[in-house]
């Protein structure tokens, strides 16, 4: 499972409107950037209390990207 699909799967599992989840990937030389966009009502579910859910998703991405030796940055768009 690639980084984009992983973030998409996790996000769709957390939100009430999975059809509005979009993940856009931008490849760079040193790092990839994933831009996650969800419905406005679901933004709190993705971020979580004090950012814990977002931090957990970023931690999972860090663990998965360690195998590929390429950094992955997750940006949550409002």
PDB file of N, CA and C in Angstrom:
ATOM      1  N   UNK A   1       0.855  -1.184   0.000  1.00  0.00           N
ATOM      2  CA  UNK A   1       0.000   0.000   0.000  1.00  0.00           C
ATOM      3  C   UNK A   1       0.894   1.238   0.000  1.00  0.00           C
ATOM      4  N   UNK A   2       0.631   2.147  -0.904  1.00  0.00           N
ATOM      5  CA  UNK A   2       1.427   3.358  -0.986  1.00  0.00           C
ATOM      6  C   UNK A   2       0.930   4.387   0.009  1.00  0.00           C
ATOM      7  N   UNK A   3       1.719   5.438   0.187  1.00  0.00           N
ATOM      8  CA  UNK A   3       1.414   6.471   1.173  1.00  0.00           C
ATOM      9  C   UNK A   3       0.058   7.116   0.919  1.00  0.00           C
ATOM     10  N   UNK A   4      -0.224   7.439  -0.323  1.00  0.00           N
ATOM     11  CA  UNK A   4      -1.468   8.112  -0.668  1.00  0.00           C
ATOM     12  C   UNK A   4      -2.669   7.240  -0.308  1.00  0.00           C
ATOM     13  N   UNK A   5      -2.608   5.963  -0.661  1.00  0.00           N
ATOM     14  CA  UNK A   5      -3.711   5.054  -0.364  1.00  0.00           C
ATOM     15  C   UNK A   5      -3.876   4.834   1.129  1.00  0.00           C
ATOM     16  N   UNK A   6      -2.772   4.815   1.860  1.00  0.00           N
ATOM     17  CA  UNK A   6      -2.836   4.655   3.304  1.00  0.00           C
ATOM     18  C   UNK A   6      -3.573   5.820   3.951  1.00  0.00           C
ATOM     19  N   UNK A   7      -3.208   7.042   3.585  1.00  0.00           N
ATOM     20  CA  UNK A   7      -3.856   8.226   4.152  1.00  0.00           C
ATOM     21  C   UNK A   7      -5.324   8.260   3.754  1.00  0.00           C
ATOM     22  N   UNK A   8      -5.618   7.920   2.514  1.00  0.00           N
ATOM     23  CA  UNK A   8      -6.997   7.918   2.038  1.00  0.00           C
ATOM     24  C   UNK A   8      -7.836   6.897   2.805  1.00  0.00           C
ATOM     25  N   UNK A   9      -7.290   5.705   3.028  1.00  0.00           N
ATOM     26  CA  UNK A   9      -8.002   4.662   3.773  1.00  0.00           C
ATOM     27  C   UNK A   9      -8.284   5.097   5.203  1.00  0.00           C
ATOM     28  N   UNK A  10      -7.281   5.649   5.875  1.00  0.00           N
ATOM     29  CA  UNK A  10      -7.453   6.086   7.266  1.00  0.00           C
ATOM     30  C   UNK A  10      -8.479   7.204   7.340  1.00  0.00           C
ATOM     31  N   UNK A  11      -8.380   8.187   6.454  1.00  0.00           N
ATOM     32  CA  UNK A  11      -9.296   9.327   6.471  1.00  0.00           C
ATOM     33  C   UNK A  11     -10.734   8.885   6.216  1.00  0.00           C
ATOM     34  N   UNK A  12     -10.925   8.025   5.230  1.00  0.00           N
ATOM     35  CA  UNK A  12     -12.284   7.563   4.917  1.00  0.00           C
ATOM     36  C   UNK A  12     -12.877   6.754   6.057  1.00  0.00           C
ATOM     37  N   UNK A  13     -12.035   6.098   6.822  1.00  0.00           N
ATOM     38  CA  UNK A  13     -12.508   5.323   7.968  1.00  0.00           C
ATOM     39  C   UNK A  13     -12.940   6.208   9.129  1.00  0.00           C
ATOM     40  N   UNK A  14     -12.400   7.421   9.194  1.00  0.00           N
ATOM     41  CA  UNK A  14     -12.676   8.310  10.323  1.00  0.00           C
ATOM     42  C   UNK A  14     -13.849   9.260  10.106  1.00  0.00           C
ATOM     43  N   UNK A  15     -14.137   9.626   8.871  1.00  0.00           N
ATOM     44  CA  UNK A  15     -15.094  10.704   8.602  1.00  0.00           C
ATOM     45  C   UNK A  15     -16.505  10.186   8.347  1.00  0.00           C
ATOM     46  N   UNK A  16     -17.472  11.128   8.391  1.00  0.00           N
ATOM     47  CA  UNK A  16     -18.862  10.804   8.084  1.00  0.00           C
ATOM     48  C   UNK A  16     -19.153  10.879   6.589  1.00  0.00           C
ATOM     49  N   UNK A  17     -18.364  11.666   5.852  1.00  0.00           N
ATOM     50  CA  UNK A  17     -18.552  11.846   4.411  1.00  0.00           C
ATOM     51  C   UNK A  17     -17.332  11.334   3.642  1.00  0.00           C
ATOM     52  N   UNK A  18     -17.173  10.018   3.524  1.00  0.00           N
ATOM     53  CA  UNK A  18     -15.976   9.489   2.863  1.00  0.00           C
ATOM     54  C   UNK A  18     -15.880   9.855   1.384  1.00  0.00           C
ATOM     55  N   UNK A  19     -16.992  10.188   0.755  1.00  0.00           N
ATOM     56  CA  UNK A  19     -16.955  10.547  -0.666  1.00  0.00           C
ATOM     57  C   UNK A  19     -16.229  11.879  -0.891  1.00  0.00           C
ATOM     58  N   UNK A  20     -16.124  12.705   0.143  1.00  0.00           N
ATOM     59  CA  UNK A  20     -15.487  14.009  -0.004  1.00  0.00           C
ATOM     60  C   UNK A  20     -14.016  14.006   0.396  1.00  0.00           C
ATOM     61  N   UNK A  21     -13.471  12.854   0.664  1.00  0.00           N
ATOM     62  CA  UNK A  21     -12.045  12.749   1.011  1.00  0.00           C
ATOM     63  C   UNK A  21     -11.224  12.714  -0.270  1.00  0.00           C
ATOM     64  N   UNK A  22     -10.274  13.632  -0.369  1.00  0.00           N
ATOM     65  CA  UNK A  22      -9.353  13.610  -1.505  1.00  0.00           C
ATOM     66  C   UNK A  22      -7.926  13.750  -0.991  1.00  0.00           C
ATOM     67  N   UNK A  23      -7.025  13.029  -1.621  1.00  0.00           N
ATOM     68  CA  UNK A  23      -5.603  13.097  -1.276  1.00  0.00           C
ATOM     69  C   UNK A  23      -4.837  13.358  -2.565  1.00  0.00           C
ATOM     70  N   UNK A  24      -4.048  14.431  -2.558  1.00  0.00           N
ATOM     71  CA  UNK A  24      -3.234  14.782  -3.726  1.00  0.00           C
ATOM     72  C   UNK A  24      -1.763  14.657  -3.337  1.00  0.00           C
ATOM     73  N   UNK A  25      -0.999  13.992  -4.175  1.00  0.00           N
ATOM     74  CA  UNK A  25       0.413  13.752  -3.877  1.00  0.00           C
ATOM     75  C   UNK A  25       1.299  14.563  -4.816  1.00  0.00           C
ATOM     76  N   UNK A  26       2.293  15.227  -4.230  1.00  0.00           N
ATOM     77  CA  UNK A  26       3.280  15.969  -4.989  1.00  0.00           C
ATOM     78  C   UNK A  26       4.643  15.366  -4.686  1.00  0.00           C
ATOM     79  N   UNK A  27       5.292  14.862  -5.711  1.00  0.00           N
ATOM     80  CA  UNK A  27       6.592  14.206  -5.550  1.00  0.00           C
ATOM     81  C   UNK A  27       7.719  15.227  -5.658  1.00  0.00           C
ATOM     82  N   UNK A  28       8.651  15.163  -4.735  1.00  0.00           N
ATOM     83  CA  UNK A  28       9.857  15.961  -4.802  1.00  0.00           C
ATOM     84  C   UNK A  28      11.063  15.044  -4.801  1.00  0.00           C
ATOM     85  N   UNK A  29      12.258  15.618  -4.859  1.00  0.00           N
ATOM     86  CA  UNK A  29      13.460  14.789  -4.859  1.00  0.00           C
ATOM     87  C   UNK A  29      13.714  14.169  -3.488  1.00  0.00           C
ATOM     88  N   UNK A  30      13.580  14.978  -2.445  1.00  0.00           N
ATOM     89  CA  UNK A  30      13.867  14.518  -1.085  1.00  0.00           C
ATOM     90  C   UNK A  30      12.617  14.067  -0.336  1.00  0.00           C
ATOM     91  N   UNK A  31      11.456  14.637  -0.699  1.00  0.00           N
ATOM     92  CA  UNK A  31      10.243  14.349   0.060  1.00  0.00           C
ATOM     93  C   UNK A  31       9.011  14.383  -0.837  1.00  0.00           C
ATOM     94  N   UNK A  32       7.971  13.714  -0.378  1.00  0.00           N
ATOM     95  CA  UNK A  32       6.667  13.767  -1.032  1.00  0.00           C
ATOM     96  C   UNK A  32       5.723  14.518  -0.110  1.00  0.00           C
ATOM     97  N   UNK A  33       4.812  15.277  -0.702  1.00  0.00           N
ATOM     98  CA  UNK A  33       3.821  16.005   0.080  1.00  0.00           C
ATOM     99  C   UNK A  33       2.447  15.456  -0.247  1.00  0.00           C
ATOM    100  N   UNK A  34       1.703  15.097   0.790  1.00  0.00           N
ATOM    101  CA  UNK A  34       0.334  14.639   0.630  1.00  0.00           C
ATOM    102  C   UNK A  34      -0.593  15.711   1.161  1.00  0.00           C
ATOM    103  N   UNK A  35      -1.536  16.145   0.334  1.00  0.00           N
ATOM    104  CA  UNK A  35      -2.505  17.150   0.743  1.00  0.00           C
ATOM    105  C   UNK A  35      -3.849  16.459   0.942  1.00  0.00           C
ATOM    106  N   UNK A  36      -4.324  16.436   2.176  1.00  0.00           N
ATOM    107  CA  UNK A  36      -5.573  15.778   2.523  1.00  0.00           C
ATOM    108  C   UNK A  36      -6.670  16.823   2.654  1.00  0.00           C
ATOM    109  N   UNK A  37      -7.760  16.585   1.955  1.00  0.00           N
ATOM    110  CA  UNK A  37      -8.898  17.488   2.005  1.00  0.00           C
ATOM    111  C   UNK A  37     -10.139  16.677   2.364  1.00  0.00           C
ATOM    112  N   UNK A  38     -10.895  17.162   3.351  1.00  0.00           N
ATOM    113  CA  UNK A  38     -12.134  16.498   3.778  1.00  0.00           C
ATOM    114  C   UNK A  38     -13.235  17.547   3.867  1.00  0.00           C
ATOM    115  N   UNK A  39     -14.466  17.080   4.082  1.00  0.00           N
ATOM    116  CA  UNK A  39     -15.585  18.003   4.263  1.00  0.00           C
ATOM    117  C   UNK A  39     -15.333  18.842   5.518  1.00  0.00           C
ATOM    118  N   UNK A  40     -15.831  20.066   5.510  1.00  0.00           N
ATOM    119  CA  UNK A  40     -15.613  20.984   6.633  1.00  0.00           C
ATOM    120  C   UNK A  40     -16.104  20.388   7.959  1.00  0.00           C
ATOM    121  N   UNK A  41     -17.207  19.659   7.920  1.00  0.00           N
ATOM    122  CA  UNK A  41     -17.757  19.051   9.139  1.00  0.00           C
ATOM    123  C   UNK A  41     -16.862  17.948   9.689  1.00  0.00           C
ATOM    124  N   UNK A  42     -16.050  17.345   8.839  1.00  0.00           N
ATOM    125  CA  UNK A  42     -15.199  16.231   9.249  1.00  0.00           C
ATOM    126  C   UNK A  42     -13.786  16.647   9.628  1.00  0.00           C
ATOM    127  N   UNK A  43     -13.464  17.924   9.510  1.00  0.00           N
ATOM    128  CA  UNK A  43     -12.109  18.393   9.771  1.00  0.00           C
ATOM    129  C   UNK A  43     -11.669  18.078  11.203  1.00  0.00           C
ATOM    130  N   UNK A  44     -12.559  18.254  12.152  1.00  0.00           N
ATOM    131  CA  UNK A  44     -12.239  17.974  13.553  1.00  0.00           C
ATOM    132  C   UNK A  44     -11.938  16.510  13.810  1.00  0.00           C
ATOM    133  N   UNK A  45     -12.585  15.629  13.069  1.00  0.00           N
ATOM    134  CA  UNK A  45     -12.347  14.195  13.241  1.00  0.00           C
ATOM    135  C   UNK A  45     -10.958  13.803  12.741  1.00  0.00           C
ATOM    136  N   UNK A  46     -10.494  14.482  11.707  1.00  0.00           N
ATOM    137  CA  UNK A  46      -9.163  14.190  11.170  1.00  0.00           C
ATOM    138  C   UNK A  46      -8.080  14.767  12.070  1.00  0.00           C
ATOM    139  N   UNK A  47      -8.299  15.954  12.595  1.00  0.00           N
ATOM    140  CA  UNK A  47      -7.294  16.591  13.448  1.00  0.00           C
ATOM    141  C   UNK A  47      -7.299  15.974  14.839  1.00  0.00           C
ATOM    142  N   UNK A  48      -8.475  15.747  15.413  1.00  0.00           N
ATOM    143  CA  UNK A  48      -8.587  15.145  16.735  1.00  0.00           C
ATOM    144  C   UNK A  48      -8.322  16.142  17.851  1.00  0.00           C
ATOM    145  N   UNK A  49      -8.557  15.713  19.073  1.00  0.00           N
ATOM    146  CA  UNK A  49      -8.323  16.577  20.228  1.00  0.00           C
ATOM    147  C   UNK A  49      -6.847  16.886  20.350  1.00  0.00           C
ATOM    148  N   UNK A  50      -6.530  18.159  20.403  1.00  0.00           N
ATOM    149  CA  UNK A  50      -5.158  18.657  20.514  1.00  0.00           C
ATOM    150  C   UNK A  50      -4.258  18.104  19.405  1.00  0.00           C
ATOM    151  N   UNK A  51      -4.847  17.767  18.258  1.00  0.00           N
ATOM    152  CA  UNK A  51      -4.068  17.301  17.111  1.00  0.00           C
ATOM    153  C   UNK A  51      -3.575  15.872  17.215  1.00  0.00           C
ATOM    154  N   UNK A  52      -4.139  15.108  18.132  1.00  0.00           N
ATOM    155  CA  UNK A  52      -3.628  13.744  18.355  1.00  0.00           C
ATOM    156  C   UNK A  52      -3.841  12.824  17.164  1.00  0.00           C
ATOM    157  N   UNK A  53      -5.009  12.911  16.527  1.00  0.00           N
ATOM    158  CA  UNK A  53      -5.276  12.032  15.384  1.00  0.00           C
ATOM    159  C   UNK A  53      -4.357  12.364  14.217  1.00  0.00           C
ATOM    160  N   UNK A  54      -4.205  13.652  13.927  1.00  0.00           N
ATOM    161  CA  UNK A  54      -3.307  14.073  12.846  1.00  0.00           C
ATOM    162  C   UNK A  54      -1.876  13.641  13.143  1.00  0.00           C
ATOM    163  N   UNK A  55      -1.458  13.765  14.391  1.00  0.00           N
ATOM    164  CA  UNK A  55      -0.104  13.352  14.777  1.00  0.00           C
ATOM    165  C   UNK A  55       0.069  11.850  14.603  1.00  0.00           C
ATOM    166  N   UNK A  56      -0.967  11.080  14.925  1.00  0.00           N
ATOM    167  CA  UNK A  56      -0.896   9.625  14.777  1.00  0.00           C
ATOM    168  C   UNK A  56      -0.779   9.233  13.297  1.00  0.00           C
ATOM    169  N   UNK A  57      -1.536   9.921  12.436  1.00  0.00           N
ATOM    170  CA  UNK A  57      -1.449   9.639  11.000  1.00  0.00           C
ATOM    171  C   UNK A  57      -0.048   9.960  10.492  1.00  0.00           C
ATOM    172  N   UNK A  58       0.508  11.077  10.949  1.00  0.00           N
ATOM    173  CA  UNK A  58       1.866  11.463  10.533  1.00  0.00           C
ATOM    174  C   UNK A  58       2.902  10.467  11.044  1.00  0.00           C
ATOM    175  N   UNK A  59       2.699   9.928  12.239  1.00  0.00           N
ATOM    176  CA  UNK A  59       3.612   8.926  12.782  1.00  0.00           C
ATOM    177  C   UNK A  59       3.585   7.655  11.937  1.00  0.00           C
ATOM    178  N   UNK A  60       2.389   7.227  11.548  1.00  0.00           N
ATOM    179  CA  UNK A  60       2.271   6.053  10.680  1.00  0.00           C
ATOM    180  C   UNK A  60       2.963   6.297   9.342  1.00  0.00           C
ATOM    181  N   UNK A  61       2.781   7.480   8.787  1.00  0.00           N
ATOM    182  CA  UNK A  61       3.452   7.809   7.528  1.00  0.00           C
ATOM    183  C   UNK A  61       4.966   7.782   7.682  1.00  0.00           C
ATOM    184  N   UNK A  62       5.451   8.266   8.800  1.00  0.00           N
ATOM    185  CA  UNK A  62       6.888   8.251   9.054  1.00  0.00           C
ATOM    186  C   UNK A  62       7.431   6.843   9.122  1.00  0.00           C
ATOM    187  N   UNK A  63       6.678   5.953   9.762  1.00  0.00           N
ATOM    188  CA  UNK A  63       7.118   4.559   9.879  1.00  0.00           C
ATOM    189  C   UNK A  63       7.119   3.871   8.517  1.00  0.00           C
ATOM    190  N   UNK A  64       6.092   4.130   7.721  1.00  0.00           N
ATOM    191  CA  UNK A  64       6.004   3.506   6.399  1.00  0.00           C
ATOM    192  C   UNK A  64       7.059   4.081   5.457  1.00  0.00           C
ATOM    193  N   UNK A  65       7.304   5.379   5.549  1.00  0.00           N
ATOM    194  CA  UNK A  65       8.264   6.001   4.639  1.00  0.00           C
ATOM    195  C   UNK A  65       9.711   5.680   5.005  1.00  0.00           C
ATOM    196  N   UNK A  66       9.947   5.186   6.203  1.00  0.00           N
ATOM    197  CA  UNK A  66      11.306   4.816   6.592  1.00  0.00           C
ATOM    198  C   UNK A  66      11.832   3.685   5.702  1.00  0.00           C
ATOM    199  N   UNK A  67      10.934   2.827   5.262  1.00  0.00           N
ATOM    200  CA  UNK A  67      11.339   1.735   4.369  1.00  0.00           C
ATOM    201  C   UNK A  67      11.795   2.256   3.014  1.00  0.00           C
ATOM    202  N   UNK A  68      11.124   3.285   2.524  1.00  0.00           N
ATOM    203  CA  UNK A  68      11.451   3.816   1.201  1.00  0.00           C
ATOM    204  C   UNK A  68      12.565   4.852   1.256  1.00  0.00           C
ATOM    205  N   UNK A  69      12.961   5.230   2.466  1.00  0.00           N
ATOM    206  CA  UNK A  69      14.010   6.235   2.683  1.00  0.00           C
ATOM    207  C   UNK A  69      13.675   7.569   2.008  1.00  0.00           C
ATOM    208  N   UNK A  70      12.390   7.889   1.977  1.00  0.00           N
ATOM    209  CA  UNK A  70      11.936   9.152   1.418  1.00  0.00           C
ATOM    210  C   UNK A  70      10.939   9.762   2.392  1.00  0.00           C
ATOM    211  N   UNK A  71      11.137  11.018   2.734  1.00  0.00           N
ATOM    212  CA  UNK A  71      10.290  11.686   3.707  1.00  0.00           C
ATOM    213  C   UNK A  71       8.922  11.993   3.109  1.00  0.00           C
ATOM    214  N   UNK A  72       7.879  11.848   3.920  1.00  0.00           N
ATOM    215  CA  UNK A  72       6.518  12.150   3.493  1.00  0.00           C
ATOM    216  C   UNK A  72       5.944  13.175   4.452  1.00  0.00           C
ATOM    217  N   UNK A  73       5.399  14.256   3.884  1.00  0.00           N
ATOM    218  CA  UNK A  73       4.815  15.341   4.677  1.00  0.00           C
ATOM    219  C   UNK A  73       3.311  15.331   4.419  1.00  0.00           C
ATOM    220  N   UNK A  74       2.524  15.356   5.501  1.00  0.00           N
ATOM    221  CA  UNK A  74       1.068  15.406   5.387  1.00  0.00           C
ATOM    222  C   UNK A  74       0.580  16.806   5.719  1.00  0.00           C
ATOM    223  N   UNK A  75      -0.161  17.390   4.780  1.00  0.00           N
ATOM    224  CA  UNK A  75      -0.793  18.686   4.999  1.00  0.00           C
ATOM    225  C   UNK A  75      -2.291  18.483   4.975  1.00  0.00           C
ATOM    226  N   UNK A  76      -2.966  18.988   6.008  1.00  0.00           N
ATOM    227  CA  UNK A  76      -4.421  18.882   6.082  1.00  0.00           C
ATOM    228  C   UNK A  76      -4.991  20.226   5.672  1.00  0.00           C
ATOM    229  N   UNK A  77      -5.720  20.241   4.557  1.00  0.00           N
ATOM    230  CA  UNK A  77      -6.255  21.476   4.005  1.00  0.00           C
ATOM    231  C   UNK A  77      -7.625  21.777   4.609  1.00  0.00           C
ATOM    232  N   UNK A  78      -7.867  23.054   4.843  1.00  0.00           N
ATOM    233  CA  UNK A  78      -9.175  23.462   5.364  1.00  0.00           C
ATOM    234  C   UNK A  78     -10.074  23.893   4.252  1.00  0.00           C
TER     235      UNK A  78
END
